[in-house]
PDB file of N, CA and C in Angstrom:
ATOM      1  N   LYS A   1      -7.819  -2.846  35.282  1.00  0.00           N
ATOM      2  CA  LYS A   1      -8.843  -2.442  34.329  1.00  0.00           C
ATOM      3  C   LYS A   1      -8.313  -2.718  32.923  1.00  0.00           C
ATOM      4  N   ARG A   2      -9.106  -3.373  32.114  1.00  0.00           N
ATOM      5  CA  ARG A   2      -8.661  -3.774  30.780  1.00  0.00           C
ATOM      6  C   ARG A   2      -8.988  -2.717  29.730  1.00  0.00           C
ATOM      7  N   GLN A   3      -8.107  -2.641  28.732  1.00  0.00           N
ATOM      8  CA  GLN A   3      -8.291  -1.784  27.554  1.00  0.00           C
ATOM      9  C   GLN A   3      -8.563  -0.328  27.922  1.00  0.00           C
ATOM     10  N   ASP A   4      -7.854   0.153  28.923  1.00  0.00           N
ATOM     11  CA  ASP A   4      -8.079   1.528  29.351  1.00  0.00           C
ATOM     12  C   ASP A   4      -6.785   2.328  29.427  1.00  0.00           C
ATOM     13  N   GLY A   5      -5.646   1.710  29.119  1.00  0.00           N
ATOM     14  CA  GLY A   5      -4.386   2.431  29.153  1.00  0.00           C
ATOM     15  C   GLY A   5      -3.911   2.752  30.557  1.00  0.00           C
ATOM     16  N   GLN A   6      -3.989   1.784  31.453  1.00  0.00           N
ATOM     17  CA  GLN A   6      -3.536   1.975  32.822  1.00  0.00           C
ATOM     18  C   GLN A   6      -2.775   0.742  33.259  1.00  0.00           C
ATOM     19  N   GLY A   7      -1.962   0.905  34.274  1.00  0.00           N
ATOM     20  CA  GLY A   7      -1.285  -0.228  34.860  1.00  0.00           C
ATOM     21  C   GLY A   7       0.169  -0.356  34.437  1.00  0.00           C
ATOM     22  N   PRO A   8       0.851  -1.374  34.973  1.00  0.00           N
ATOM     23  CA  PRO A   8       2.289  -1.521  34.728  1.00  0.00           C
ATOM     24  C   PRO A   8       2.632  -1.833  33.270  1.00  0.00           C
ATOM     25  N   TYR A   9       1.814  -2.614  32.598  1.00  0.00           N
ATOM     26  CA  TYR A   9       2.095  -2.914  31.192  1.00  0.00           C
ATOM     27  C   TYR A   9       1.961  -1.661  30.335  1.00  0.00           C
ATOM     28  N   TRP A  10       0.973  -0.848  30.627  1.00  0.00           N
ATOM     29  CA  TRP A  10       0.789   0.400  29.881  1.00  0.00           C
ATOM     30  C   TRP A  10       1.975   1.338  30.108  1.00  0.00           C
ATOM     31  N   ASP A  11       2.457   1.407  31.328  1.00  0.00           N
ATOM     32  CA  ASP A  11       3.619   2.247  31.623  1.00  0.00           C
ATOM     33  C   ASP A  11       4.838   1.786  30.832  1.00  0.00           C
ATOM     34  N   LEU A  12       5.046   0.480  30.743  1.00  0.00           N
ATOM     35  CA  LEU A  12       6.173  -0.060  29.989  1.00  0.00           C
ATOM     36  C   LEU A  12       6.040   0.255  28.502  1.00  0.00           C
ATOM     37  N   ILE A  13       4.856   0.095  27.953  1.00  0.00           N
ATOM     38  CA  ILE A  13       4.632   0.392  26.534  1.00  0.00           C
ATOM     39  C   ILE A  13       4.870   1.873  26.260  1.00  0.00           C
ATOM     40  N   THR A  14       4.432   2.734  27.160  1.00  0.00           N
ATOM     41  CA  THR A  14       4.649   4.171  26.997  1.00  0.00           C
ATOM     42  C   THR A  14       6.135   4.499  26.995  1.00  0.00           C
ATOM     43  N   GLN A  15       6.895   3.890  27.901  1.00  0.00           N
ATOM     44  CA  GLN A  15       8.336   4.125  27.948  1.00  0.00           C
ATOM     45  C   GLN A  15       9.014   3.642  26.672  1.00  0.00           C
ATOM     46  N   LEU A  16       8.629   2.462  26.178  1.00  0.00           N
ATOM     47  CA  LEU A  16       9.220   1.933  24.948  1.00  0.00           C
ATOM     48  C   LEU A  16       8.893   2.816  23.755  1.00  0.00           C
ATOM     49  N   PHE A  17       7.679   3.322  23.696  1.00  0.00           N
ATOM     50  CA  PHE A  17       7.285   4.200  22.600  1.00  0.00           C
ATOM     51  C   PHE A  17       8.083   5.495  22.628  1.00  0.00           C
ATOM     52  N   GLU A  18       8.234   6.089  23.802  1.00  0.00           N
ATOM     53  CA  GLU A  18       8.996   7.335  23.922  1.00  0.00           C
ATOM     54  C   GLU A  18      10.452   7.123  23.537  1.00  0.00           C
ATOM     55  N   LEU A  19      11.030   5.995  23.923  1.00  0.00           N
ATOM     56  CA  LEU A  19      12.410   5.689  23.557  1.00  0.00           C
ATOM     57  C   LEU A  19      12.549   5.532  22.045  1.00  0.00           C
ATOM     58  N   ALA A  20      11.638   4.806  21.425  1.00  0.00           N
ATOM     59  CA  ALA A  20      11.678   4.613  19.972  1.00  0.00           C
ATOM     60  C   ALA A  20      11.487   5.936  19.247  1.00  0.00           C
ATOM     61  N   LYS A  21      10.643   6.795  19.776  1.00  0.00           N
ATOM     62  CA  LYS A  21      10.406   8.105  19.168  1.00  0.00           C
ATOM     63  C   LYS A  21      11.678   8.953  19.203  1.00  0.00           C
ATOM     64  N   ARG A  22      12.379   8.933  20.338  1.00  0.00           N
ATOM     65  CA  ARG A  22      13.635   9.688  20.440  1.00  0.00           C
ATOM     66  C   ARG A  22      14.695   9.126  19.503  1.00  0.00           C
ATOM     67  N   LYS A  23      14.800   7.794  19.428  1.00  0.00           N
ATOM     68  CA  LYS A  23      15.791   7.165  18.547  1.00  0.00           C
ATOM     69  C   LYS A  23      15.512   7.483  17.086  1.00  0.00           C
ATOM     70  N   ALA A  24      14.249   7.603  16.722  1.00  0.00           N
ATOM     71  CA  ALA A  24      13.876   7.901  15.339  1.00  0.00           C
ATOM     72  C   ALA A  24      14.054   9.377  15.005  1.00  0.00           C
ATOM     73  N   GLY A  25      14.288  10.206  16.007  1.00  0.00           N
ATOM     74  CA  GLY A  25      14.535  11.620  15.770  1.00  0.00           C
ATOM     75  C   GLY A  25      13.300  12.494  15.731  1.00  0.00           C
ATOM     76  N   PHE A  26      12.185  11.986  16.206  1.00  0.00           N
ATOM     77  CA  PHE A  26      10.978  12.806  16.247  1.00  0.00           C
ATOM     78  C   PHE A  26      11.077  13.811  17.389  1.00  0.00           C
ATOM     79  N   PRO A  27      10.600  15.022  17.179  1.00  0.00           N
ATOM     80  CA  PRO A  27      10.691  16.032  18.241  1.00  0.00           C
ATOM     81  C   PRO A  27       9.770  15.686  19.404  1.00  0.00           C
ATOM     82  N   ASP A  28      10.186  16.073  20.579  1.00  0.00           N
ATOM     83  CA  ASP A  28       9.380  15.844  21.777  1.00  0.00           C
ATOM     84  C   ASP A  28       8.728  17.156  22.183  1.00  0.00           C
ATOM     85  N   ASP A  29       7.820  17.643  21.320  1.00  0.00           N
ATOM     86  CA  ASP A  29       7.204  18.938  21.572  1.00  0.00           C
ATOM     87  C   ASP A  29       5.875  18.834  22.295  1.00  0.00           C
ATOM     88  N   GLY A  30       5.394  17.628  22.544  1.00  0.00           N
ATOM     89  CA  GLY A  30       4.164  17.455  23.287  1.00  0.00           C
ATOM     90  C   GLY A  30       2.910  17.847  22.537  1.00  0.00           C
ATOM     91  N   MET A  31       3.021  18.055  21.236  1.00  0.00           N
ATOM     92  CA  MET A  31       1.841  18.442  20.460  1.00  0.00           C
ATOM     93  C   MET A  31       0.969  17.223  20.182  1.00  0.00           C
ATOM     94  N   SER A  32      -0.317  17.427  20.191  1.00  0.00           N
ATOM     95  CA  SER A  32      -1.252  16.368  19.848  1.00  0.00           C
ATOM     96  C   SER A  32      -1.800  16.633  18.446  1.00  0.00           C
ATOM     97  N   PRO A  33      -2.352  15.618  17.791  1.00  0.00           N
ATOM     98  CA  PRO A  33      -2.916  15.831  16.454  1.00  0.00           C
ATOM     99  C   PRO A  33      -4.029  16.873  16.471  1.00  0.00           C
ATOM    100  N   ILE A  34      -4.148  17.595  15.399  1.00  0.00           N
ATOM    101  CA  ILE A  34      -5.173  18.633  15.289  1.00  0.00           C
ATOM    102  C   ILE A  34      -6.384  18.032  14.581  1.00  0.00           C
ATOM    103  N   SER A  35      -7.505  17.971  15.267  1.00  0.00           N
ATOM    104  CA  SER A  35      -8.693  17.339  14.696  1.00  0.00           C
ATOM    105  C   SER A  35      -9.354  18.202  13.628  1.00  0.00           C
ATOM    106  N   GLU A  36      -9.078  19.503  13.610  1.00  0.00           N
ATOM    107  CA  GLU A  36      -9.707  20.379  12.623  1.00  0.00           C
ATOM    108  C   GLU A  36      -9.196  20.107  11.207  1.00  0.00           C
ATOM    109  N   THR A  37      -8.021  19.484  11.082  1.00  0.00           N
ATOM    110  CA  THR A  37      -7.464  19.236   9.750  1.00  0.00           C
ATOM    111  C   THR A  37      -7.993  17.944   9.138  1.00  0.00           C
ATOM    112  N   PHE A  38      -8.704  17.149   9.904  1.00  0.00           N
ATOM    113  CA  PHE A  38      -9.249  15.893   9.398  1.00  0.00           C
ATOM    114  C   PHE A  38     -10.555  16.158   8.667  1.00  0.00           C
ATOM    115  N   CYS A  39     -10.702  15.546   7.501  1.00  0.00           N
ATOM    116  CA  CYS A  39     -11.987  15.637   6.810  1.00  0.00           C
ATOM    117  C   CYS A  39     -12.378  14.244   6.334  1.00  0.00           C
ATOM    118  N   ARG A  40     -13.654  13.952   6.445  1.00  0.00           N
ATOM    119  CA  ARG A  40     -14.168  12.650   6.027  1.00  0.00           C
ATOM    120  C   ARG A  40     -14.158  12.530   4.515  1.00  0.00           C
ATOM    121  N   PRO A  41     -13.792  11.344   4.010  1.00  0.00           N
ATOM    122  CA  PRO A  41     -13.861  11.156   2.568  1.00  0.00           C
ATOM    123  C   PRO A  41     -15.301  11.272   2.084  1.00  0.00           C
ATOM    124  N   GLY A  42     -15.466  11.791   0.909  1.00  0.00           N
ATOM    125  CA  GLY A  42     -16.808  11.982   0.363  1.00  0.00           C
ATOM    126  C   GLY A  42     -17.361  10.725  -0.284  1.00  0.00           C
ATOM    127  N   GLN A  43     -18.404  10.885  -1.061  1.00  0.00           N
ATOM    128  CA  GLN A  43     -19.086   9.773  -1.712  1.00  0.00           C
ATOM    129  C   GLN A  43     -18.226   9.099  -2.775  1.00  0.00           C
ATOM    130  N   ARG A  44     -17.276   9.809  -3.349  1.00  0.00           N
ATOM    131  CA  ARG A  44     -16.509   9.226  -4.444  1.00  0.00           C
ATOM    132  C   ARG A  44     -15.725   7.996  -4.009  1.00  0.00           C
ATOM    133  N   GLN A  45     -15.382   7.874  -2.728  1.00  0.00           N
ATOM    134  CA  GLN A  45     -14.669   6.699  -2.267  1.00  0.00           C
ATOM    135  C   GLN A  45     -15.596   5.480  -2.278  1.00  0.00           C
ATOM    136  N   LEU A  46     -16.869   5.676  -2.047  1.00  0.00           N
ATOM    137  CA  LEU A  46     -17.809   4.565  -2.065  1.00  0.00           C
ATOM    138  C   LEU A  46     -17.975   3.991  -3.463  1.00  0.00           C
ATOM    139  N   SER A  47     -17.682   4.761  -4.481  1.00  0.00           N
ATOM    140  CA  SER A  47     -17.827   4.258  -5.846  1.00  0.00           C
ATOM    141  C   SER A  47     -16.762   3.223  -6.200  1.00  0.00           C
ATOM    142  N   LEU A  48     -15.761   3.054  -5.358  1.00  0.00           N
ATOM    143  CA  LEU A  48     -14.742   2.039  -5.610  1.00  0.00           C
ATOM    144  C   LEU A  48     -15.323   0.634  -5.496  1.00  0.00           C
ATOM    145  N   PHE A  49     -16.413   0.490  -4.762  1.00  0.00           N
ATOM    146  CA  PHE A  49     -17.022  -0.821  -4.575  1.00  0.00           C
ATOM    147  C   PHE A  49     -18.189  -0.927  -5.493  1.00  0.00           C
TER     148      PHE A  49
END
């Protein structure tokens, strides 16, 4: 299945990412991003164009 995050290539990429994360010193706390802290930019960003 394509573009779904499954299969042997996906497993390899996941392992490489976890290894790079450990080498960089990021904690392995299993936390996911909190969506409540995200806010959409307002109209003022559109004035740049």
